[in-house]
Amino acid sequence: MSDGVTRPYSSIMAKENIKTVTEGLVTILENGDAFIEQQNYGRLLRISPDQVRWEYVNKISADTVGELHWSRYIAADDIDLRWMKALTCN
């Protein structure tokens, strides 16, 4: 830990025009990626310092994007899903 400030995602964020005026959210993931909610554009992204790993846009129609409001990234270690193994589909 240091007393300095780093900006490891600034280059990819500028390149991909990642910004939001209100209600933006970022979570730094265990591997160093960032999960970003770009609220004003209805977009979720997972980025590394060098690239967009994936993105989701909440498209309602060809010309309408829906808002997301406080999305969360849930990692495998965050929730116990063992119960799903017992499910069967008929």
PDB file of N, CA and C in Angstrom:
ATOM      1  N   MET A   1       0.843  -1.181   0.000  1.00  0.00           N
ATOM      2  CA  MET A   1       0.000   0.000   0.000  1.00  0.00           C
ATOM      3  C   MET A   1       0.884   1.238   0.000  1.00  0.00           C
ATOM      4  N   SER A   2       0.430   2.251  -0.692  1.00  0.00           N
ATOM      5  CA  SER A   2       1.193   3.492  -0.746  1.00  0.00           C
ATOM      6  C   SER A   2       0.246   4.667  -0.543  1.00  0.00           C
ATOM      7  N   ASP A   3       0.836   5.831  -0.451  1.00  0.00           N
ATOM      8  CA  ASP A   3       0.028   7.038  -0.308  1.00  0.00           C
ATOM      9  C   ASP A   3      -0.294   7.669  -1.652  1.00  0.00           C
ATOM     10  N   GLY A   4       0.095   6.995  -2.734  1.00  0.00           N
ATOM     11  CA  GLY A   4      -0.119   7.533  -4.069  1.00  0.00           C
ATOM     12  C   GLY A   4      -1.468   7.157  -4.654  1.00  0.00           C
ATOM     13  N   VAL A   5      -1.780   7.760  -5.770  1.00  0.00           N
ATOM     14  CA  VAL A   5      -3.005   7.499  -6.502  1.00  0.00           C
ATOM     15  C   VAL A   5      -2.627   6.872  -7.836  1.00  0.00           C
ATOM     16  N   THR A   6      -3.299   5.788  -8.187  1.00  0.00           N
ATOM     17  CA  THR A   6      -3.066   5.170  -9.488  1.00  0.00           C
ATOM     18  C   THR A   6      -4.352   5.210 -10.299  1.00  0.00           C
ATOM     19  N   ARG A   7      -4.206   5.131 -11.597  1.00  0.00           N
ATOM     20  CA  ARG A   7      -5.357   5.153 -12.498  1.00  0.00           C
ATOM     21  C   ARG A   7      -5.188   4.062 -13.556  1.00  0.00           C
ATOM     22  N   PRO A   8      -5.246   2.796 -13.151  1.00  0.00           N
ATOM     23  CA  PRO A   8      -4.937   1.708 -14.082  1.00  0.00           C
ATOM     24  C   PRO A   8      -5.945   1.539 -15.221  1.00  0.00           C
ATOM     25  N   TYR A   9      -7.149   2.064 -15.080  1.00  0.00           N
ATOM     26  CA  TYR A   9      -8.184   1.873 -16.096  1.00  0.00           C
ATOM     27  C   TYR A   9      -8.423   3.118 -16.954  1.00  0.00           C
ATOM     28  N   SER A  10      -7.700   4.183 -16.723  1.00  0.00           N
ATOM     29  CA  SER A  10      -7.993   5.446 -17.396  1.00  0.00           C
ATOM     30  C   SER A  10      -7.867   5.361 -18.913  1.00  0.00           C
ATOM     31  N   SER A  11      -6.896   4.632 -19.413  1.00  0.00           N
ATOM     32  CA  SER A  11      -6.709   4.535 -20.857  1.00  0.00           C
ATOM     33  C   SER A  11      -7.870   3.798 -21.528  1.00  0.00           C
ATOM     34  N   ILE A  12      -8.255   2.639 -21.002  1.00  0.00           N
ATOM     35  CA  ILE A  12      -9.349   1.876 -21.608  1.00  0.00           C
ATOM     36  C   ILE A  12     -10.679   2.596 -21.410  1.00  0.00           C
ATOM     37  N   MET A  13     -10.847   3.286 -20.287  1.00  0.00           N
ATOM     38  CA  MET A  13     -12.089   4.029 -20.067  1.00  0.00           C
ATOM     39  C   MET A  13     -12.216   5.188 -21.050  1.00  0.00           C
ATOM     40  N   ALA A  14     -11.125   5.863 -21.341  1.00  0.00           N
ATOM     41  CA  ALA A  14     -11.157   6.944 -22.329  1.00  0.00           C
ATOM     42  C   ALA A  14     -11.428   6.382 -23.725  1.00  0.00           C
ATOM     43  N   LYS A  15     -10.734   5.305 -24.065  1.00  0.00           N
ATOM     44  CA  LYS A  15     -10.892   4.692 -25.388  1.00  0.00           C
ATOM     45  C   LYS A  15     -12.321   4.230 -25.629  1.00  0.00           C
ATOM     46  N   GLU A  16     -12.959   3.658 -24.614  1.00  0.00           N
ATOM     47  CA  GLU A  16     -14.316   3.108 -24.740  1.00  0.00           C
ATOM     48  C   GLU A  16     -15.403   4.096 -24.305  1.00  0.00           C
ATOM     49  N   ASN A  17     -15.015   5.331 -23.982  1.00  0.00           N
ATOM     50  CA  ASN A  17     -15.956   6.386 -23.589  1.00  0.00           C
ATOM     51  C   ASN A  17     -16.822   5.949 -22.404  1.00  0.00           C
ATOM     52  N   ILE A  18     -16.190   5.378 -21.393  1.00  0.00           N
ATOM     53  CA  ILE A  18     -16.898   4.913 -20.199  1.00  0.00           C
ATOM     54  C   ILE A  18     -17.005   6.077 -19.224  1.00  0.00           C
ATOM     55  N   LYS A  19     -18.246   6.518 -19.005  1.00  0.00           N
ATOM     56  CA  LYS A  19     -18.515   7.620 -18.078  1.00  0.00           C
ATOM     57  C   LYS A  19     -20.006   7.621 -17.785  1.00  0.00           C
ATOM     58  N   THR A  20     -20.384   8.254 -16.700  1.00  0.00           N
ATOM     59  CA  THR A  20     -21.794   8.422 -16.373  1.00  0.00           C
ATOM     60  C   THR A  20     -21.926   9.657 -15.482  1.00  0.00           C
ATOM     61  N   VAL A  21     -23.003  10.370 -15.658  1.00  0.00           N
ATOM     62  CA  VAL A  21     -23.205  11.606 -14.910  1.00  0.00           C
ATOM     63  C   VAL A  21     -23.661  11.296 -13.481  1.00  0.00           C
ATOM     64  N   THR A  22     -24.554  10.313 -13.329  1.00  0.00           N
ATOM     65  CA  THR A  22     -25.085   9.968 -12.011  1.00  0.00           C
ATOM     66  C   THR A  22     -25.140   8.457 -11.837  1.00  0.00           C
ATOM     67  N   GLU A  23     -25.201   8.017 -10.600  1.00  0.00           N
ATOM     68  CA  GLU A  23     -25.428   6.631 -10.209  1.00  0.00           C
ATOM     69  C   GLU A  23     -24.453   5.625 -10.800  1.00  0.00           C
ATOM     70  N   GLY A  24     -23.258   6.018 -11.153  1.00  0.00           N
ATOM     71  CA  GLY A  24     -22.262   5.068 -11.617  1.00  0.00           C
ATOM     72  C   GLY A  24     -21.727   4.244 -10.455  1.00  0.00           C
ATOM     73  N   LEU A  25     -21.246   3.052 -10.760  1.00  0.00           N
ATOM     74  CA  LEU A  25     -20.754   2.171  -9.725  1.00  0.00           C
ATOM     75  C   LEU A  25     -19.603   1.358 -10.291  1.00  0.00           C
ATOM     76  N   VAL A  26     -18.562   1.160  -9.486  1.00  0.00           N
ATOM     77  CA  VAL A  26     -17.455   0.306  -9.902  1.00  0.00           C
ATOM     78  C   VAL A  26     -17.102  -0.629  -8.749  1.00  0.00           C
ATOM     79  N   THR A  27     -16.803  -1.872  -9.104  1.00  0.00           N
ATOM     80  CA  THR A  27     -16.325  -2.870  -8.152  1.00  0.00           C
ATOM     81  C   THR A  27     -15.026  -3.427  -8.702  1.00  0.00           C
ATOM     82  N   ILE A  28     -13.967  -3.363  -7.918  1.00  0.00           N
ATOM     83  CA  ILE A  28     -12.703  -3.969  -8.327  1.00  0.00           C
ATOM     84  C   ILE A  28     -12.766  -5.436  -7.942  1.00  0.00           C
ATOM     85  N   LEU A  29     -12.582  -6.306  -8.916  1.00  0.00           N
ATOM     86  CA  LEU A  29     -12.693  -7.738  -8.706  1.00  0.00           C
ATOM     87  C   LEU A  29     -11.371  -8.322  -8.230  1.00  0.00           C
ATOM     88  N   GLU A  30     -11.437  -9.533  -7.728  1.00  0.00           N
ATOM     89  CA  GLU A  30     -10.277 -10.178  -7.112  1.00  0.00           C
ATOM     90  C   GLU A  30      -9.076 -10.260  -8.055  1.00  0.00           C
ATOM     91  N   ASN A  31      -9.313 -10.444  -9.343  1.00  0.00           N
ATOM     92  CA  ASN A  31      -8.205 -10.569 -10.296  1.00  0.00           C
ATOM     93  C   ASN A  31      -7.707  -9.216 -10.816  1.00  0.00           C
ATOM     94  N   GLY A  32      -8.294  -8.118 -10.336  1.00  0.00           N
ATOM     95  CA  GLY A  32      -7.864  -6.795 -10.769  1.00  0.00           C
ATOM     96  C   GLY A  32      -8.726  -6.181 -11.854  1.00  0.00           C
ATOM     97  N   ASP A  33      -9.663  -6.939 -12.412  1.00  0.00           N
ATOM     98  CA  ASP A  33     -10.608  -6.368 -13.372  1.00  0.00           C
ATOM     99  C   ASP A  33     -11.544  -5.417 -12.630  1.00  0.00           C
ATOM    100  N   ALA A  34     -12.257  -4.600 -13.388  1.00  0.00           N
ATOM    101  CA  ALA A  34     -13.251  -3.695 -12.816  1.00  0.00           C
ATOM    102  C   ALA A  34     -14.611  -3.994 -13.441  1.00  0.00           C
ATOM    103  N   PHE A  35     -15.626  -4.097 -12.601  1.00  0.00           N
ATOM    104  CA  PHE A  35     -17.014  -4.230 -13.049  1.00  0.00           C
ATOM    105  C   PHE A  35     -17.627  -2.843 -12.916  1.00  0.00           C
ATOM    106  N   ILE A  36     -18.143  -2.316 -14.015  1.00  0.00           N
ATOM    107  CA  ILE A  36     -18.619  -0.935 -14.043  1.00  0.00           C
ATOM    108  C   ILE A  36     -20.067  -0.883 -14.486  1.00  0.00           C
ATOM    109  N   GLU A  37     -20.878  -0.153 -13.719  1.00  0.00           N
ATOM    110  CA  GLU A  37     -22.237   0.166 -14.139  1.00  0.00           C
ATOM    111  C   GLU A  37     -22.228   1.593 -14.665  1.00  0.00           C
ATOM    112  N   GLN A  38     -22.504   1.724 -15.930  1.00  0.00           N
ATOM    113  CA  GLN A  38     -22.570   3.030 -16.585  1.00  0.00           C
ATOM    114  C   GLN A  38     -24.055   3.387 -16.678  1.00  0.00           C
ATOM    115  N   GLN A  39     -24.609   3.819 -15.550  1.00  0.00           N
ATOM    116  CA  GLN A  39     -26.045   3.979 -15.363  1.00  0.00           C
ATOM    117  C   GLN A  39     -26.719   4.802 -16.454  1.00  0.00           C
ATOM    118  N   ASN A  40     -26.197   5.954 -16.772  1.00  0.00           N
ATOM    119  CA  ASN A  40     -26.886   6.844 -17.705  1.00  0.00           C
ATOM    120  C   ASN A  40     -26.935   6.316 -19.135  1.00  0.00           C
ATOM    121  N   TYR A  41     -26.227   5.249 -19.408  1.00  0.00           N
ATOM    122  CA  TYR A  41     -26.235   4.662 -20.744  1.00  0.00           C
ATOM    123  C   TYR A  41     -26.721   3.218 -20.732  1.00  0.00           C
ATOM    124  N   GLY A  42     -27.238   2.749 -19.606  1.00  0.00           N
ATOM    125  CA  GLY A  42     -27.780   1.406 -19.508  1.00  0.00           C
ATOM    126  C   GLY A  42     -26.773   0.330 -19.853  1.00  0.00           C
ATOM    127  N   ARG A  43     -25.537   0.525 -19.428  1.00  0.00           N
ATOM    128  CA  ARG A  43     -24.455  -0.382 -19.839  1.00  0.00           C
ATOM    129  C   ARG A  43     -23.688  -0.912 -18.640  1.00  0.00           C
ATOM    130  N   LEU A  44     -23.379  -2.202 -18.671  1.00  0.00           N
ATOM    131  CA  LEU A  44     -22.501  -2.855 -17.708  1.00  0.00           C
ATOM    132  C   LEU A  44     -21.261  -3.313 -18.456  1.00  0.00           C
ATOM    133  N   LEU A  45     -20.092  -3.176 -17.829  1.00  0.00           N
ATOM    134  CA  LEU A  45     -18.853  -3.615 -18.455  1.00  0.00           C
ATOM    135  C   LEU A  45     -17.965  -4.301 -17.441  1.00  0.00           C
ATOM    136  N   ARG A  46     -17.188  -5.229 -17.934  1.00  0.00           N
ATOM    137  CA  ARG A  46     -16.080  -5.785 -17.155  1.00  0.00           C
ATOM    138  C   ARG A  46     -14.834  -5.465 -17.960  1.00  0.00           C
ATOM    139  N   ILE A  47     -13.916  -4.739 -17.324  1.00  0.00           N
ATOM    140  CA  ILE A  47     -12.710  -4.323 -18.029  1.00  0.00           C
ATOM    141  C   ILE A  47     -11.463  -4.722 -17.251  1.00  0.00           C
ATOM    142  N   SER A  48     -10.391  -4.896 -17.992  1.00  0.00           N
ATOM    143  CA  SER A  48      -9.060  -5.001 -17.410  1.00  0.00           C
ATOM    144  C   SER A  48      -8.399  -3.661 -17.685  1.00  0.00           C
ATOM    145  N   PRO A  49      -7.199  -3.427 -17.222  1.00  0.00           N
ATOM    146  CA  PRO A  49      -6.541  -2.166 -17.559  1.00  0.00           C
ATOM    147  C   PRO A  49      -6.307  -1.994 -19.060  1.00  0.00           C
ATOM    148  N   ASP A  50      -6.390  -3.094 -19.840  1.00  0.00           N
ATOM    149  CA  ASP A  50      -6.065  -3.038 -21.264  1.00  0.00           C
ATOM    150  C   ASP A  50      -7.222  -3.250 -22.215  1.00  0.00           C
ATOM    151  N   GLN A  51      -8.333  -3.852 -21.742  1.00  0.00           N
ATOM    152  CA  GLN A  51      -9.392  -4.197 -22.693  1.00  0.00           C
ATOM    153  C   GLN A  51     -10.751  -4.322 -22.005  1.00  0.00           C
ATOM    154  N   VAL A  52     -11.785  -4.270 -22.826  1.00  0.00           N
ATOM    155  CA  VAL A  52     -13.133  -4.597 -22.370  1.00  0.00           C
ATOM    156  C   VAL A  52     -13.265  -6.103 -22.495  1.00  0.00           C
ATOM    157  N   ARG A  53     -13.536  -6.759 -21.391  1.00  0.00           N
ATOM    158  CA  ARG A  53     -13.702  -8.217 -21.418  1.00  0.00           C
ATOM    159  C   ARG A  53     -15.094  -8.587 -21.915  1.00  0.00           C
ATOM    160  N   TRP A  54     -16.106  -7.855 -21.463  1.00  0.00           N
ATOM    161  CA  TRP A  54     -17.464  -7.998 -21.983  1.00  0.00           C
ATOM    162  C   TRP A  54     -18.267  -6.757 -21.627  1.00  0.00           C
ATOM    163  N   GLU A  55     -19.366  -6.582 -22.328  1.00  0.00           N
ATOM    164  CA  GLU A  55     -20.284  -5.497 -22.006  1.00  0.00           C
ATOM    165  C   GLU A  55     -21.711  -5.942 -22.281  1.00  0.00           C
ATOM    166  N   TYR A  56     -22.623  -5.355 -21.549  1.00  0.00           N
ATOM    167  CA  TYR A  56     -24.044  -5.606 -21.715  1.00  0.00           C
ATOM    168  C   TYR A  56     -24.738  -4.259 -21.789  1.00  0.00           C
ATOM    169  N   VAL A  57     -25.604  -4.086 -22.789  1.00  0.00           N
ATOM    170  CA  VAL A  57     -26.412  -2.875 -22.916  1.00  0.00           C
ATOM    171  C   VAL A  57     -27.867  -3.299 -22.782  1.00  0.00           C
ATOM    172  N   ASN A  58     -28.596  -2.647 -21.907  1.00  0.00           N
ATOM    173  CA  ASN A  58     -29.983  -2.979 -21.612  1.00  0.00           C
ATOM    174  C   ASN A  58     -30.909  -2.396 -22.684  1.00  0.00           C
ATOM    175  N   LYS A  59     -30.867  -2.988 -23.871  1.00  0.00           N
ATOM    176  CA  LYS A  59     -31.680  -2.496 -24.995  1.00  0.00           C
ATOM    177  C   LYS A  59     -33.121  -2.954 -24.844  1.00  0.00           C
ATOM    178  N   ILE A  60     -34.021  -2.011 -24.915  1.00  0.00           N
ATOM    179  CA  ILE A  60     -35.448  -2.294 -24.875  1.00  0.00           C
ATOM    180  C   ILE A  60     -35.988  -2.413 -26.292  1.00  0.00           C
ATOM    181  N   SER A  61     -35.443  -1.602 -27.180  1.00  0.00           N
ATOM    182  CA  SER A  61     -35.780  -1.665 -28.598  1.00  0.00           C
ATOM    183  C   SER A  61     -34.557  -1.175 -29.369  1.00  0.00           C
ATOM    184  N   ALA A  62     -34.678  -1.096 -30.665  1.00  0.00           N
ATOM    185  CA  ALA A  62     -33.544  -0.686 -31.504  1.00  0.00           C
ATOM    186  C   ALA A  62     -33.030   0.705 -31.152  1.00  0.00           C
ATOM    187  N   ASP A  63     -33.909   1.573 -30.665  1.00  0.00           N
ATOM    188  CA  ASP A  63     -33.479   2.938 -30.362  1.00  0.00           C
ATOM    189  C   ASP A  63     -33.720   3.365 -28.908  1.00  0.00           C
ATOM    190  N   THR A  64     -33.984   2.399 -28.014  1.00  0.00           N
ATOM    191  CA  THR A  64     -34.236   2.716 -26.609  1.00  0.00           C
ATOM    192  C   THR A  64     -33.388   1.833 -25.708  1.00  0.00           C
ATOM    193  N   VAL A  65     -32.698   2.480 -24.772  1.00  0.00           N
ATOM    194  CA  VAL A  65     -31.885   1.771 -23.787  1.00  0.00           C
ATOM    195  C   VAL A  65     -32.500   2.002 -22.412  1.00  0.00           C
ATOM    196  N   GLY A  66     -32.705   0.918 -21.657  1.00  0.00           N
ATOM    197  CA  GLY A  66     -33.303   1.017 -20.330  1.00  0.00           C
ATOM    198  C   GLY A  66     -32.254   1.244 -19.255  1.00  0.00           C
ATOM    199  N   GLU A  67     -32.652   1.877 -18.187  1.00  0.00           N
ATOM    200  CA  GLU A  67     -31.755   2.111 -17.057  1.00  0.00           C
ATOM    201  C   GLU A  67     -31.546   0.820 -16.275  1.00  0.00           C
ATOM    202  N   LEU A  68     -30.479   0.770 -15.486  1.00  0.00           N
ATOM    203  CA  LEU A  68     -30.123  -0.444 -14.761  1.00  0.00           C
ATOM    204  C   LEU A  68     -30.313  -0.333 -13.251  1.00  0.00           C
ATOM    205  N   HIS A  69     -29.948   0.770 -12.659  1.00  0.00           N
ATOM    206  CA  HIS A  69     -30.121   1.033 -11.228  1.00  0.00           C
ATOM    207  C   HIS A  69     -29.463   0.025 -10.289  1.00  0.00           C
ATOM    208  N   TRP A  70     -28.260   0.259  -9.972  1.00  0.00           N
ATOM    209  CA  TRP A  70     -27.527  -0.438  -8.922  1.00  0.00           C
ATOM    210  C   TRP A  70     -27.371  -1.943  -9.156  1.00  0.00           C
ATOM    211  N   SER A  71     -26.763  -2.274 -10.255  1.00  0.00           N
ATOM    212  CA  SER A  71     -26.426  -3.669 -10.559  1.00  0.00           C
ATOM    213  C   SER A  71     -25.257  -4.109  -9.695  1.00  0.00           C
ATOM    214  N   ARG A  72     -25.107  -5.416  -9.525  1.00  0.00           N
ATOM    215  CA  ARG A  72     -24.006  -5.956  -8.730  1.00  0.00           C
ATOM    216  C   ARG A  72     -23.357  -7.111  -9.472  1.00  0.00           C
ATOM    217  N   TYR A  73     -22.066  -7.289  -9.255  1.00  0.00           N
ATOM    218  CA  TYR A  73     -21.326  -8.430  -9.770  1.00  0.00           C
ATOM    219  C   TYR A  73     -21.228  -9.439  -8.634  1.00  0.00           C
ATOM    220  N   ILE A  74     -21.713 -10.637  -8.861  1.00  0.00           N
ATOM    221  CA  ILE A  74     -21.679 -11.671  -7.833  1.00  0.00           C
ATOM    222  C   ILE A  74     -20.716 -12.752  -8.300  1.00  0.00           C
ATOM    223  N   ALA A  75     -19.622 -12.903  -7.590  1.00  0.00           N
ATOM    224  CA  ALA A  75     -18.615 -13.912  -7.916  1.00  0.00           C
ATOM    225  C   ALA A  75     -19.038 -15.265  -7.352  1.00  0.00           C
ATOM    226  N   ALA A  76     -18.449 -16.321  -7.867  1.00  0.00           N
ATOM    227  CA  ALA A  76     -18.793 -17.674  -7.427  1.00  0.00           C
ATOM    228  C   ALA A  76     -18.619 -17.843  -5.923  1.00  0.00           C
ATOM    229  N   ASP A  77     -17.648 -17.179  -5.326  1.00  0.00           N
ATOM    230  CA  ASP A  77     -17.403 -17.300  -3.885  1.00  0.00           C
ATOM    231  C   ASP A  77     -18.383 -16.478  -3.038  1.00  0.00           C
ATOM    232  N   ASP A  78     -19.184 -15.627  -3.677  1.00  0.00           N
ATOM    233  CA  ASP A  78     -20.101 -14.758  -2.951  1.00  0.00           C
ATOM    234  C   ASP A  78     -21.418 -15.435  -2.579  1.00  0.00           C
ATOM    235  N   ILE A  79     -21.733 -16.548  -3.228  1.00  0.00           N
ATOM    236  CA  ILE A  79     -23.038 -17.175  -3.019  1.00  0.00           C
ATOM    237  C   ILE A  79     -22.897 -18.698  -3.151  1.00  0.00           C
ATOM    238  N   ASP A  80     -23.617 -19.417  -2.324  1.00  0.00           N
ATOM    239  CA  ASP A  80     -23.573 -20.873  -2.346  1.00  0.00           C
ATOM    240  C   ASP A  80     -24.638 -21.384  -3.316  1.00  0.00           C
ATOM    241  N   LEU A  81     -24.205 -21.952  -4.427  1.00  0.00           N
ATOM    242  CA  LEU A  81     -25.131 -22.449  -5.433  1.00  0.00           C
ATOM    243  C   LEU A  81     -25.124 -23.976  -5.529  1.00  0.00           C
ATOM    244  N   ARG A  82     -24.610 -24.647  -4.508  1.00  0.00           N
ATOM    245  CA  ARG A  82     -24.557 -26.115  -4.542  1.00  0.00           C
ATOM    246  C   ARG A  82     -25.943 -26.743  -4.688  1.00  0.00           C
ATOM    247  N   TRP A  83     -26.969 -26.084  -4.191  1.00  0.00           N
ATOM    248  CA  TRP A  83     -28.323 -26.600  -4.266  1.00  0.00           C
ATOM    249  C   TRP A  83     -28.771 -26.800  -5.714  1.00  0.00           C
ATOM    250  N   MET A  84     -28.174 -26.066  -6.643  1.00  0.00           N
ATOM    251  CA  MET A  84     -28.570 -26.171  -8.044  1.00  0.00           C
ATOM    252  C   MET A  84     -28.231 -27.532  -8.657  1.00  0.00           C
ATOM    253  N   LYS A  85     -27.222 -28.191  -8.123  1.00  0.00           N
ATOM    254  CA  LYS A  85     -26.815 -29.498  -8.661  1.00  0.00           C
ATOM    255  C   LYS A  85     -27.904 -30.547  -8.502  1.00  0.00           C
ATOM    256  N   ALA A  86     -28.767 -30.373  -7.524  1.00  0.00           N
ATOM    257  CA  ALA A  86     -29.841 -31.335  -7.277  1.00  0.00           C
ATOM    258  C   ALA A  86     -31.088 -31.088  -8.132  1.00  0.00           C
ATOM    259  N   LEU A  87     -31.122 -30.003  -8.875  1.00  0.00           N
ATOM    260  CA  LEU A  87     -32.283 -29.696  -9.698  1.00  0.00           C
ATOM    261  C   LEU A  87     -32.369 -30.597 -10.903  1.00  0.00           C
ATOM    262  N   THR A  88     -33.584 -30.925 -11.302  1.00  0.00           N
ATOM    263  CA  THR A  88     -33.803 -31.677 -12.529  1.00  0.00           C
ATOM    264  C   THR A  88     -34.899 -30.977 -13.329  1.00  0.00           C
ATOM    265  N   CYS A  89     -34.821 -31.103 -14.608  1.00  0.00           N
ATOM    266  CA  CYS A  89     -35.836 -30.529 -15.489  1.00  0.00           C
ATOM    267  C   CYS A  89     -36.650 -31.655 -16.112  1.00  0.00           C
ATOM    268  N   ASN A  90     -37.940 -31.548 -16.036  1.00  0.00           N
ATOM    269  CA  ASN A  90     -38.814 -32.569 -16.609  1.00  0.00           C
ATOM    270  C   ASN A  90     -39.411 -32.088 -17.902  1.00  0.00           C
TER     271      ASN A  90
END
